[in-house]
Amino acid sequence: QLKTEIKTFFIFALGIQLAGWGLVHFRMDYGFFWLLWLMS
């Protein structure tokens, strides 16, 4: 839907989604304390 900043949107949108997914799975796979470490 963009005529400019096509790569910019693609890269950042993909990165944001992967990072959000990673945080949830890190909490599920490794537990509360290691997510606490990451956020701390």
PDB file of all heavy atoms in Angstrom:
ATOM      1  N   GLN A   1       0.813  -1.214   0.000  1.00  0.00           N
ATOM      2  CA  GLN A   1       0.000   0.000   0.000  1.00  0.00           C
ATOM      3  C   GLN A   1       0.849   1.269   0.000  1.00  0.00           C
ATOM      4  O   GLN A   1       0.314   2.374   0.029  1.00  0.00           O
ATOM      5  CB  GLN A   1      -0.912   0.005   1.231  1.00  0.00           C
ATOM      6  CG  GLN A   1      -1.878  -1.156   1.309  1.00  0.00           C
ATOM      7  CD  GLN A   1      -2.810  -1.206   0.125  1.00  0.00           C
ATOM      8  OE1 GLN A   1      -3.506  -0.238  -0.174  1.00  0.00           O
ATOM      9  NE2 GLN A   1      -2.822  -2.337  -0.578  1.00  0.00           N
ATOM     10  N   LEU A   2       2.156   1.093  -0.020  1.00  0.00           N
ATOM     11  CA  LEU A   2       3.062   2.232   0.042  1.00  0.00           C
ATOM     12  C   LEU A   2       3.764   2.457  -1.284  1.00  0.00           C
ATOM     13  O   LEU A   2       4.038   1.503  -2.025  1.00  0.00           O
ATOM     14  CB  LEU A   2       4.107   2.009   1.140  1.00  0.00           C
ATOM     15  CG  LEU A   2       3.591   1.917   2.580  1.00  0.00           C
ATOM     16  CD1 LEU A   2       4.706   1.453   3.507  1.00  0.00           C
ATOM     17  CD2 LEU A   2       3.043   3.259   3.035  1.00  0.00           C
ATOM     18  N   LYS A   3       4.078   3.710  -1.552  1.00  0.00           N
ATOM     19  CA  LYS A   3       4.874   4.055  -2.723  1.00  0.00           C
ATOM     20  C   LYS A   3       6.305   4.391  -2.324  1.00  0.00           C
ATOM     21  O   LYS A   3       7.216   4.350  -3.147  1.00  0.00           O
ATOM     22  CB  LYS A   3       4.241   5.240  -3.463  1.00  0.00           C
ATOM     23  CG  LYS A   3       2.871   4.929  -4.058  1.00  0.00           C
ATOM     24  CD  LYS A   3       2.313   6.125  -4.816  1.00  0.00           C
ATOM     25  CE  LYS A   3       0.965   5.807  -5.431  1.00  0.00           C
ATOM     26  NZ  LYS A   3       0.378   6.969  -6.155  1.00  0.00           N
ATOM     27  N   THR A   4       6.476   4.764  -1.064  1.00  0.00           N
ATOM     28  CA  THR A   4       7.809   5.024  -0.514  1.00  0.00           C
ATOM     29  C   THR A   4       7.957   4.276   0.801  1.00  0.00           C
ATOM     30  O   THR A   4       6.971   3.830   1.384  1.00  0.00           O
ATOM     31  CB  THR A   4       8.034   6.529  -0.266  1.00  0.00           C
ATOM     32  OG1 THR A   4       7.048   6.992   0.694  1.00  0.00           O
ATOM     33  CG2 THR A   4       7.900   7.327  -1.550  1.00  0.00           C
ATOM     34  N   GLU A   5       9.182   4.146   1.267  1.00  0.00           N
ATOM     35  CA  GLU A   5       9.495   3.482   2.540  1.00  0.00           C
ATOM     36  C   GLU A   5       8.943   2.056   2.591  1.00  0.00           C
ATOM     37  O   GLU A   5       8.537   1.557   3.653  1.00  0.00           O
ATOM     38  CB  GLU A   5       8.960   4.293   3.726  1.00  0.00           C
ATOM     39  CG  GLU A   5       9.438   5.722   3.783  1.00  0.00           C
ATOM     40  CD  GLU A   5      10.943   5.850   3.904  1.00  0.00           C
ATOM     41  OE1 GLU A   5      11.599   4.863   4.298  1.00  0.00           O
ATOM     42  OE2 GLU A   5      11.475   6.928   3.605  1.00  0.00           O
ATOM     43  N   ILE A   6       8.940   1.386   1.453  1.00  0.00           N
ATOM     44  CA  ILE A   6       8.412   0.024   1.384  1.00  0.00           C
ATOM     45  C   ILE A   6       9.266  -0.934   2.213  1.00  0.00           C
ATOM     46  O   ILE A   6       8.749  -1.703   3.035  1.00  0.00           O
ATOM     47  CB  ILE A   6       8.346  -0.443  -0.085  1.00  0.00           C
ATOM     48  CG1 ILE A   6       7.340   0.416  -0.855  1.00  0.00           C
ATOM     49  CG2 ILE A   6       7.985  -1.915  -0.172  1.00  0.00           C
ATOM     50  CD1 ILE A   6       7.329   0.152  -2.353  1.00  0.00           C
ATOM     51  N   LYS A   7      10.583  -0.888   2.007  1.00  0.00           N
ATOM     52  CA  LYS A   7      11.473  -1.763   2.768  1.00  0.00           C
ATOM     53  C   LYS A   7      11.451  -1.413   4.251  1.00  0.00           C
ATOM     54  O   LYS A   7      11.521  -2.299   5.108  1.00  0.00           O
ATOM     55  CB  LYS A   7      12.904  -1.654   2.220  1.00  0.00           C
ATOM     56  CG  LYS A   7      13.078  -2.224   0.822  1.00  0.00           C
ATOM     57  CD  LYS A   7      14.515  -2.089   0.371  1.00  0.00           C
ATOM     58  CE  LYS A   7      14.706  -2.643  -1.035  1.00  0.00           C
ATOM     59  NZ  LYS A   7      16.121  -2.476  -1.498  1.00  0.00           N
ATOM     60  N   THR A   8      11.349  -0.123   4.551  1.00  0.00           N
ATOM     61  CA  THR A   8      11.318   0.316   5.942  1.00  0.00           C
ATOM     62  C   THR A   8      10.145  -0.306   6.676  1.00  0.00           C
ATOM     63  O   THR A   8      10.298  -0.873   7.761  1.00  0.00           O
ATOM     64  CB  THR A   8      11.212   1.849   6.014  1.00  0.00           C
ATOM     65  OG1 THR A   8      12.348   2.431   5.390  1.00  0.00           O
ATOM     66  CG2 THR A   8      11.141   2.314   7.460  1.00  0.00           C
ATOM     67  N   PHE A   9       8.960  -0.203   6.086  1.00  0.00           N
ATOM     68  CA  PHE A   9       7.786  -0.782   6.735  1.00  0.00           C
ATOM     69  C   PHE A   9       7.915  -2.290   6.848  1.00  0.00           C
ATOM     70  O   PHE A   9       7.621  -2.871   7.902  1.00  0.00           O
ATOM     71  CB  PHE A   9       6.509  -0.432   5.963  1.00  0.00           C
ATOM     72  CG  PHE A   9       5.271  -1.009   6.603  1.00  0.00           C
ATOM     73  CD1 PHE A   9       4.647  -0.335   7.645  1.00  0.00           C
ATOM     74  CD2 PHE A   9       4.763  -2.227   6.188  1.00  0.00           C
ATOM     75  CE1 PHE A   9       3.535  -0.876   8.267  1.00  0.00           C
ATOM     76  CE2 PHE A   9       3.653  -2.774   6.799  1.00  0.00           C
ATOM     77  CZ  PHE A   9       3.030  -2.099   7.843  1.00  0.00           C
ATOM     78  N   PHE A  10       8.336  -2.939   5.784  1.00  0.00           N
ATOM     79  CA  PHE A  10       8.434  -4.401   5.790  1.00  0.00           C
ATOM     80  C   PHE A  10       9.350  -4.887   6.909  1.00  0.00           C
ATOM     81  O   PHE A  10       8.982  -5.774   7.688  1.00  0.00           O
ATOM     82  CB  PHE A  10       8.944  -4.896   4.432  1.00  0.00           C
ATOM     83  CG  PHE A  10       8.995  -6.393   4.323  1.00  0.00           C
ATOM     84  CD1 PHE A  10       7.913  -7.092   3.826  1.00  0.00           C
ATOM     85  CD2 PHE A  10      10.124  -7.101   4.714  1.00  0.00           C
ATOM     86  CE1 PHE A  10       7.951  -8.488   3.729  1.00  0.00           C
ATOM     87  CE2 PHE A  10      10.174  -8.482   4.634  1.00  0.00           C
ATOM     88  CZ  PHE A  10       9.080  -9.190   4.135  1.00  0.00           C
ATOM     89  N   ILE A  11      10.544  -4.310   6.993  1.00  0.00           N
ATOM     90  CA  ILE A  11      11.535  -4.771   7.972  1.00  0.00           C
ATOM     91  C   ILE A  11      11.069  -4.504   9.400  1.00  0.00           C
ATOM     92  O   ILE A  11      11.128  -5.397  10.265  1.00  0.00           O
ATOM     93  CB  ILE A  11      12.892  -4.100   7.708  1.00  0.00           C
ATOM     94  CG1 ILE A  11      13.482  -4.594   6.386  1.00  0.00           C
ATOM     95  CG2 ILE A  11      13.863  -4.373   8.861  1.00  0.00           C
ATOM     96  CD1 ILE A  11      14.714  -3.839   5.933  1.00  0.00           C
ATOM     97  N   PHE A  12      10.600  -3.301   9.664  1.00  0.00           N
ATOM     98  CA  PHE A  12      10.193  -2.964  11.025  1.00  0.00           C
ATOM     99  C   PHE A  12       8.933  -3.713  11.445  1.00  0.00           C
ATOM    100  O   PHE A  12       8.827  -4.172  12.592  1.00  0.00           O
ATOM    101  CB  PHE A  12       9.993  -1.452  11.165  1.00  0.00           C
ATOM    102  CG  PHE A  12      11.245  -0.695  11.451  1.00  0.00           C
ATOM    103  CD1 PHE A  12      12.017  -0.188  10.409  1.00  0.00           C
ATOM    104  CD2 PHE A  12      11.682  -0.489  12.752  1.00  0.00           C
ATOM    105  CE1 PHE A  12      13.183   0.517  10.662  1.00  0.00           C
ATOM    106  CE2 PHE A  12      12.842   0.204  13.021  1.00  0.00           C
ATOM    107  CZ  PHE A  12      13.605   0.710  11.973  1.00  0.00           C
ATOM    108  N   ALA A  13       7.960  -3.852  10.547  1.00  0.00           N
ATOM    109  CA  ALA A  13       6.732  -4.571  10.890  1.00  0.00           C
ATOM    110  C   ALA A  13       7.028  -6.034  11.205  1.00  0.00           C
ATOM    111  O   ALA A  13       6.486  -6.604  12.164  1.00  0.00           O
ATOM    112  CB  ALA A  13       5.713  -4.467   9.762  1.00  0.00           C
ATOM    113  N   LEU A  14       7.893  -6.648  10.409  1.00  0.00           N
ATOM    114  CA  LEU A  14       8.269  -8.040  10.651  1.00  0.00           C
ATOM    115  C   LEU A  14       9.035  -8.167  11.969  1.00  0.00           C
ATOM    116  O   LEU A  14       8.773  -9.075  12.773  1.00  0.00           O
ATOM    117  CB  LEU A  14       9.121  -8.558   9.490  1.00  0.00           C
ATOM    118  CG  LEU A  14       9.582 -10.010   9.594  1.00  0.00           C
ATOM    119  CD1 LEU A  14       8.387 -10.953   9.658  1.00  0.00           C
ATOM    120  CD2 LEU A  14      10.469 -10.377   8.401  1.00  0.00           C
ATOM    121  N   GLY A  15       9.971  -7.251  12.206  1.00  0.00           N
ATOM    122  CA  GLY A  15      10.755  -7.294  13.444  1.00  0.00           C
ATOM    123  C   GLY A  15       9.897  -7.122  14.682  1.00  0.00           C
ATOM    124  O   GLY A  15      10.091  -7.812  15.697  1.00  0.00           O
ATOM    125  N   ILE A  16       8.939  -6.210  14.635  1.00  0.00           N
ATOM    126  CA  ILE A  16       8.053  -5.976  15.775  1.00  0.00           C
ATOM    127  C   ILE A  16       7.256  -7.235  16.102  1.00  0.00           C
ATOM    128  O   ILE A  16       7.141  -7.636  17.267  1.00  0.00           O
ATOM    129  CB  ILE A  16       7.096  -4.801  15.480  1.00  0.00           C
ATOM    130  CG1 ILE A  16       7.871  -3.480  15.477  1.00  0.00           C
ATOM    131  CG2 ILE A  16       5.969  -4.739  16.520  1.00  0.00           C
ATOM    132  CD1 ILE A  16       7.061  -2.305  14.959  1.00  0.00           C
ATOM    133  N   GLN A  17       6.705  -7.879  15.075  1.00  0.00           N
ATOM    134  CA  GLN A  17       5.918  -9.090  15.307  1.00  0.00           C
ATOM    135  C   GLN A  17       6.770 -10.224  15.876  1.00  0.00           C
ATOM    136  O   GLN A  17       6.361 -10.908  16.829  1.00  0.00           O
ATOM    137  CB  GLN A  17       5.264  -9.547  14.007  1.00  0.00           C
ATOM    138  CG  GLN A  17       4.155  -8.645  13.509  1.00  0.00           C
ATOM    139  CD  GLN A  17       3.564  -9.173  12.215  1.00  0.00           C
ATOM    140  OE1 GLN A  17       2.487  -9.756  12.197  1.00  0.00           O
ATOM    141  NE2 GLN A  17       4.288  -8.993  11.124  1.00  0.00           N
ATOM    142  N   LEU A  18       7.948 -10.435  15.303  1.00  0.00           N
ATOM    143  CA  LEU A  18       8.826 -11.501  15.784  1.00  0.00           C
ATOM    144  C   LEU A  18       9.259 -11.257  17.219  1.00  0.00           C
ATOM    145  O   LEU A  18       9.336 -12.187  18.034  1.00  0.00           O
ATOM    146  CB  LEU A  18      10.054 -11.619  14.875  1.00  0.00           C
ATOM    147  CG  LEU A  18       9.803 -12.201  13.483  1.00  0.00           C
ATOM    148  CD1 LEU A  18      11.078 -12.157  12.658  1.00  0.00           C
ATOM    149  CD2 LEU A  18       9.284 -13.634  13.583  1.00  0.00           C
ATOM    150  N   ALA A  19       9.537 -10.001  17.550  1.00  0.00           N
ATOM    151  CA  ALA A  19       9.951  -9.676  18.914  1.00  0.00           C
ATOM    152  C   ALA A  19       8.819  -9.931  19.905  1.00  0.00           C
ATOM    153  O   ALA A  19       9.039 -10.482  20.990  1.00  0.00           O
ATOM    154  CB  ALA A  19      10.407  -8.220  18.988  1.00  0.00           C
ATOM    155  N   GLY A  20       7.587  -9.528  19.538  1.00  0.00           N
ATOM    156  CA  GLY A  20       6.448  -9.786  20.410  1.00  0.00           C
ATOM    157  C   GLY A  20       6.210 -11.268  20.608  1.00  0.00           C
ATOM    158  O   GLY A  20       5.956 -11.733  21.730  1.00  0.00           O
ATOM    159  N   TRP A  21       6.304 -12.031  19.525  1.00  0.00           N
ATOM    160  CA  TRP A  21       6.172 -13.485  19.592  1.00  0.00           C
ATOM    161  C   TRP A  21       7.266 -14.083  20.479  1.00  0.00           C
ATOM    162  O   TRP A  21       7.014 -14.976  21.290  1.00  0.00           O
ATOM    163  CB  TRP A  21       6.252 -14.056  18.179  1.00  0.00           C
ATOM    164  CG  TRP A  21       6.267 -15.548  18.098  1.00  0.00           C
ATOM    165  CD1 TRP A  21       5.191 -16.386  18.050  1.00  0.00           C
ATOM    166  CD2 TRP A  21       7.432 -16.385  18.041  1.00  0.00           C
ATOM    167  NE1 TRP A  21       5.610 -17.692  17.968  1.00  0.00           N
ATOM    168  CE2 TRP A  21       6.981 -17.721  17.964  1.00  0.00           C
ATOM    169  CE3 TRP A  21       8.805 -16.134  18.048  1.00  0.00           C
ATOM    170  CZ2 TRP A  21       7.861 -18.806  17.890  1.00  0.00           C
ATOM    171  CZ3 TRP A  21       9.682 -17.204  17.987  1.00  0.00           C
ATOM    172  CH2 TRP A  21       9.206 -18.521  17.898  1.00  0.00           C
ATOM    173  N   GLY A  22       8.487 -13.574  20.314  1.00  0.00           N
ATOM    174  CA  GLY A  22       9.608 -14.090  21.090  1.00  0.00           C
ATOM    175  C   GLY A  22       9.428 -13.877  22.580  1.00  0.00           C
ATOM    176  O   GLY A  22       9.744 -14.761  23.398  1.00  0.00           O
ATOM    177  N   LEU A  23       8.915 -12.716  22.984  1.00  0.00           N
ATOM    178  CA  LEU A  23       8.706 -12.449  24.401  1.00  0.00           C
ATOM    179  C   LEU A  23       7.716 -13.423  25.018  1.00  0.00           C
ATOM    180  O   LEU A  23       7.923 -13.934  26.124  1.00  0.00           O
ATOM    181  CB  LEU A  23       8.208 -11.013  24.587  1.00  0.00           C
ATOM    182  CG  LEU A  23       9.238  -9.909  24.367  1.00  0.00           C
ATOM    183  CD1 LEU A  23       8.563  -8.540  24.395  1.00  0.00           C
ATOM    184  CD2 LEU A  23      10.331  -9.978  25.439  1.00  0.00           C
ATOM    185  N   VAL A  24       6.625 -13.687  24.309  1.00  0.00           N
ATOM    186  CA  VAL A  24       5.612 -14.616  24.831  1.00  0.00           C
ATOM    187  C   VAL A  24       6.192 -16.022  24.956  1.00  0.00           C
ATOM    188  O   VAL A  24       5.999 -16.695  25.981  1.00  0.00           O
ATOM    189  CB  VAL A  24       4.363 -14.627  23.933  1.00  0.00           C
ATOM    190  CG1 VAL A  24       3.388 -15.717  24.376  1.00  0.00           C
ATOM    191  CG2 VAL A  24       3.679 -13.267  23.982  1.00  0.00           C
ATOM    192  N   HIS A  25       6.897 -16.480  23.937  1.00  0.00           N
ATOM    193  CA  HIS A  25       7.451 -17.830  23.993  1.00  0.00           C
ATOM    194  C   HIS A  25       8.586 -17.934  24.998  1.00  0.00           C
ATOM    195  O   HIS A  25       8.782 -19.008  25.600  1.00  0.00           O
ATOM    196  CB  HIS A  25       7.898 -18.275  22.601  1.00  0.00           C
ATOM    197  CG  HIS A  25       6.776 -18.818  21.783  1.00  0.00           C
ATOM    198  ND1 HIS A  25       6.394 -20.139  21.823  1.00  0.00           N
ATOM    199  CD2 HIS A  25       5.890 -18.215  20.945  1.00  0.00           C
ATOM    200  CE1 HIS A  25       5.356 -20.331  21.032  1.00  0.00           C
ATOM    201  NE2 HIS A  25       5.031 -19.177  20.489  1.00  0.00           N
ATOM    202  N   PHE A  26       9.310 -16.872  25.200  1.00  0.00           N
ATOM    203  CA  PHE A  26      10.349 -16.890  26.230  1.00  0.00           C
ATOM    204  C   PHE A  26       9.707 -17.061  27.605  1.00  0.00           C
ATOM    205  O   PHE A  26      10.223 -17.795  28.456  1.00  0.00           O
ATOM    206  CB  PHE A  26      11.164 -15.593  26.171  1.00  0.00           C
ATOM    207  CG  PHE A  26      12.493 -15.703  26.856  1.00  0.00           C
ATOM    208  CD1 PHE A  26      13.483 -16.517  26.355  1.00  0.00           C
ATOM    209  CD2 PHE A  26      12.753 -14.977  28.010  1.00  0.00           C
ATOM    210  CE1 PHE A  26      14.713 -16.625  26.984  1.00  0.00           C
ATOM    211  CE2 PHE A  26      13.982 -15.073  28.651  1.00  0.00           C
ATOM    212  CZ  PHE A  26      14.964 -15.901  28.132  1.00  0.00           C
ATOM    213  N   ARG A  27       8.574 -16.395  27.818  1.00  0.00           N
ATOM    214  CA  ARG A  27       7.841 -16.550  29.082  1.00  0.00           C
ATOM    215  C   ARG A  27       7.315 -17.968  29.232  1.00  0.00           C
ATOM    216  O   ARG A  27       7.403 -18.572  30.321  1.00  0.00           O
ATOM    217  CB  ARG A  27       6.679 -15.542  29.137  1.00  0.00           C
ATOM    218  CG  ARG A  27       5.725 -15.719  30.329  1.00  0.00           C
ATOM    219  CD  ARG A  27       6.428 -15.420  31.628  1.00  0.00           C
ATOM    220  NE  ARG A  27       5.521 -15.461  32.755  1.00  0.00           N
ATOM    221  CZ  ARG A  27       5.212 -16.556  33.455  1.00  0.00           C
ATOM    222  NH1 ARG A  27       5.743 -17.721  33.106  1.00  0.00           N
ATOM    223  NH2 ARG A  27       4.397 -16.494  34.478  1.00  0.00           N
ATOM    224  N   MET A  28       6.785 -18.555  28.163  1.00  0.00           N
ATOM    225  CA  MET A  28       6.231 -19.906  28.227  1.00  0.00           C
ATOM    226  C   MET A  28       7.317 -20.958  28.387  1.00  0.00           C
ATOM    227  O   MET A  28       7.169 -21.909  29.166  1.00  0.00           O
ATOM    228  CB  MET A  28       5.406 -20.192  26.966  1.00  0.00           C
ATOM    229  CG  MET A  28       4.104 -19.425  26.871  1.00  0.00           C
ATOM    230  SD  MET A  28       3.010 -20.036  25.559  1.00  0.00           S
ATOM    231  CE  MET A  28       4.009 -19.733  24.094  1.00  0.00           C
ATOM    232  N   ASP A  29       8.416 -20.803  27.660  1.00  0.00           N
ATOM    233  CA  ASP A  29       9.448 -21.845  27.619  1.00  0.00           C
ATOM    234  C   ASP A  29      10.403 -21.801  28.804  1.00  0.00           C
ATOM    235  O   ASP A  29      10.874 -22.844  29.264  1.00  0.00           O
ATOM    236  CB  ASP A  29      10.250 -21.737  26.319  1.00  0.00           C
ATOM    237  CG  ASP A  29       9.399 -21.994  25.088  1.00  0.00           C
ATOM    238  OD1 ASP A  29       8.302 -22.578  25.246  1.00  0.00           O
ATOM    239  OD2 ASP A  29       9.809 -21.585  23.983  1.00  0.00           O
ATOM    240  N   TYR A  30      10.716 -20.599  29.298  1.00  0.00           N
ATOM    241  CA  TYR A  30      11.745 -20.474  30.323  1.00  0.00           C
ATOM    242  C   TYR A  30      11.233 -19.938  31.658  1.00  0.00           C
ATOM    243  O   TYR A  30      11.967 -19.914  32.636  1.00  0.00           O
ATOM    244  CB  TYR A  30      12.881 -19.570  29.807  1.00  0.00           C
ATOM    245  CG  TYR A  30      13.500 -20.099  28.548  1.00  0.00           C
ATOM    246  CD1 TYR A  30      13.330 -19.444  27.336  1.00  0.00           C
ATOM    247  CD2 TYR A  30      14.230 -21.280  28.556  1.00  0.00           C
ATOM    248  CE1 TYR A  30      13.875 -19.939  26.171  1.00  0.00           C
ATOM    249  CE2 TYR A  30      14.787 -21.798  27.390  1.00  0.00           C
ATOM    250  CZ  TYR A  30      14.603 -21.122  26.205  1.00  0.00           C
ATOM    251  OH  TYR A  30      15.144 -21.624  25.050  1.00  0.00           O
ATOM    252  N   GLY A  31       9.994 -19.482  31.687  1.00  0.00           N
ATOM    253  CA  GLY A  31       9.388 -19.118  32.960  1.00  0.00           C
ATOM    254  C   GLY A  31       9.511 -17.653  33.341  1.00  0.00           C
ATOM    255  O   GLY A  31      10.150 -16.845  32.660  1.00  0.00           O
ATOM    256  N   PHE A  32       8.898 -17.348  34.454  1.00  0.00           N
ATOM    257  CA  PHE A  32       8.775 -15.973  34.936  1.00  0.00           C
ATOM    258  C   PHE A  32      10.128 -15.317  35.204  1.00  0.00           C
ATOM    259  O   PHE A  32      10.369 -14.178  34.804  1.00  0.00           O
ATOM    260  CB  PHE A  32       7.925 -15.958  36.205  1.00  0.00           C
ATOM    261  CG  PHE A  32       8.008 -14.677  36.985  1.00  0.00           C
ATOM    262  CD1 PHE A  32       7.355 -13.538  36.537  1.00  0.00           C
ATOM    263  CD2 PHE A  32       8.749 -14.601  38.154  1.00  0.00           C
ATOM    264  CE1 PHE A  32       7.426 -12.345  37.236  1.00  0.00           C
ATOM    265  CE2 PHE A  32       8.828 -13.417  38.861  1.00  0.00           C
ATOM    266  CZ  PHE A  32       8.169 -12.291  38.399  1.00  0.00           C
ATOM    267  N   PHE A  33      11.028 -16.039  35.885  1.00  0.00           N
ATOM    268  CA  PHE A  33      12.265 -15.399  36.340  1.00  0.00           C
ATOM    269  C   PHE A  33      13.160 -14.971  35.194  1.00  0.00           C
ATOM    270  O   PHE A  33      13.808 -13.928  35.265  1.00  0.00           O
ATOM    271  CB  PHE A  33      13.029 -16.324  37.292  1.00  0.00           C
ATOM    272  CG  PHE A  33      12.502 -16.300  38.692  1.00  0.00           C
ATOM    273  CD1 PHE A  33      11.774 -17.368  39.181  1.00  0.00           C
ATOM    274  CD2 PHE A  33      12.693 -15.192  39.505  1.00  0.00           C
ATOM    275  CE1 PHE A  33      11.261 -17.348  40.469  1.00  0.00           C
ATOM    276  CE2 PHE A  33      12.187 -15.152  40.787  1.00  0.00           C
ATOM    277  CZ  PHE A  33      11.464 -16.239  41.278  1.00  0.00           C
ATOM    278  N   TRP A  34      13.179 -15.752  34.078  1.00  0.00           N
ATOM    279  CA  TRP A  34      14.062 -15.361  32.989  1.00  0.00           C
ATOM    280  C   TRP A  34      13.484 -14.235  32.157  1.00  0.00           C
ATOM    281  O   TRP A  34      14.214 -13.419  31.610  1.00  0.00           O
ATOM    282  CB  TRP A  34      14.439 -16.573  32.134  1.00  0.00           C
ATOM    283  CG  TRP A  34      15.432 -17.418  32.845  1.00  0.00           C
ATOM    284  CD1 TRP A  34      15.263 -18.682  33.322  1.00  0.00           C
ATOM    285  CD2 TRP A  34      16.750 -17.025  33.236  1.00  0.00           C
ATOM    286  NE1 TRP A  34      16.399 -19.107  33.979  1.00  0.00           N
ATOM    287  CE2 TRP A  34      17.322 -18.101  33.943  1.00  0.00           C
ATOM    288  CE3 TRP A  34      17.504 -15.860  33.070  1.00  0.00           C
ATOM    289  CZ2 TRP A  34      18.608 -18.057  34.467  1.00  0.00           C
ATOM    290  CZ3 TRP A  34      18.783 -15.809  33.595  1.00  0.00           C
ATOM    291  CH2 TRP A  34      19.322 -16.896  34.277  1.00  0.00           C
ATOM    292  N   LEU A  35      12.147 -14.152  32.092  1.00  0.00           N
ATOM    293  CA  LEU A  35      11.563 -12.978  31.452  1.00  0.00           C
ATOM    294  C   LEU A  35      11.782 -11.750  32.326  1.00  0.00           C
ATOM    295  O   LEU A  35      12.028 -10.648  31.824  1.00  0.00           O
ATOM    296  CB  LEU A  35      10.069 -13.189  31.200  1.00  0.00           C
ATOM    297  CG  LEU A  35       9.377 -12.040  30.444  1.00  0.00           C
ATOM    298  CD1 LEU A  35      10.020 -11.809  29.080  1.00  0.00           C
ATOM    299  CD2 LEU A  35       7.889 -12.316  30.279  1.00  0.00           C
ATOM    300  N   LEU A  36      11.720 -11.952  33.648  1.00  0.00           N
ATOM    301  CA  LEU A  36      12.022 -10.865  34.575  1.00  0.00           C
ATOM    302  C   LEU A  36      13.447 -10.378  34.389  1.00  0.00           C
ATOM    303  O   LEU A  36      13.712  -9.170  34.416  1.00  0.00           O
ATOM    304  CB  LEU A  36      11.813 -11.334  36.020  1.00  0.00           C
ATOM    305  CG  LEU A  36      12.137 -10.321  37.120  1.00  0.00           C
ATOM    306  CD1 LEU A  36      11.207  -9.109  37.036  1.00  0.00           C
ATOM    307  CD2 LEU A  36      12.040 -10.980  38.501  1.00  0.00           C
ATOM    308  N   TRP A  37      14.380 -11.311  34.185  1.00  0.00           N
ATOM    309  CA  TRP A  37      15.776 -10.931  33.921  1.00  0.00           C
ATOM    310  C   TRP A  37      15.869 -10.074  32.663  1.00  0.00           C
ATOM    311  O   TRP A  37      16.508  -9.016  32.663  1.00  0.00           O
ATOM    312  CB  TRP A  37      16.622 -12.194  33.763  1.00  0.00           C
ATOM    313  CG  TRP A  37      17.951 -11.955  33.101  1.00  0.00           C
ATOM    314  CD1 TRP A  37      19.033 -11.326  33.635  1.00  0.00           C
ATOM    315  CD2 TRP A  37      18.317 -12.339  31.766  1.00  0.00           C
ATOM    316  NE1 TRP A  37      20.061 -11.289  32.716  1.00  0.00           N
ATOM    317  CE2 TRP A  37      19.647 -11.903  31.568  1.00  0.00           C
ATOM    318  CE3 TRP A  37      17.650 -13.012  30.741  1.00  0.00           C
ATOM    319  CZ2 TRP A  37      20.318 -12.122  30.369  1.00  0.00           C
ATOM    320  CZ3 TRP A  37      18.315 -13.228  29.543  1.00  0.00           C
ATOM    321  CH2 TRP A  37      19.640 -12.785  29.370  1.00  0.00           C
ATOM    322  N   LEU A  38      15.242 -10.534  31.587  1.00  0.00           N
ATOM    323  CA  LEU A  38      15.276  -9.801  30.327  1.00  0.00           C
ATOM    324  C   LEU A  38      14.740  -8.381  30.500  1.00  0.00           C
ATOM    325  O   LEU A  38      15.385  -7.395  30.095  1.00  0.00           O
ATOM    326  CB  LEU A  38      14.442 -10.546  29.279  1.00  0.00           C
ATOM    327  CG  LEU A  38      14.088  -9.792  27.994  1.00  0.00           C
ATOM    328  CD1 LEU A  38      15.343  -9.423  27.221  1.00  0.00           C
ATOM    329  CD2 LEU A  38      13.149 -10.617  27.131  1.00  0.00           C
ATOM    330  N   MET A  39      13.582  -8.261  31.114  1.00  0.00           N
ATOM    331  CA  MET A  39      12.968  -6.953  31.278  1.00  0.00           C
ATOM    332  C   MET A  39      13.773  -6.084  32.241  1.00  0.00           C
ATOM    333  O   MET A  39      13.884  -4.873  32.059  1.00  0.00           O
ATOM    334  CB  MET A  39      11.524  -7.113  31.758  1.00  0.00           C
ATOM    335  CG  MET A  39      10.650  -7.856  30.770  1.00  0.00           C
ATOM    336  SD  MET A  39       8.932  -8.044  31.293  1.00  0.00           S
ATOM    337  CE  MET A  39       8.360  -6.345  31.131  1.00  0.00           C
ATOM    338  N   SER A  40      14.356  -6.704  33.267  1.00  0.00           N
ATOM    339  CA  SER A  40      15.164  -5.953  34.227  1.00  0.00           C
ATOM    340  C   SER A  40      16.396  -5.358  33.567  1.00  0.00           C
ATOM    341  O   SER A  40      16.772  -4.210  33.836  1.00  0.00           O
ATOM    342  CB  SER A  40      15.586  -6.862  35.396  1.00  0.00           C
ATOM    343  OG  SER A  40      14.475  -7.310  36.122  1.00  0.00           O
TER     344      SER A  40
END
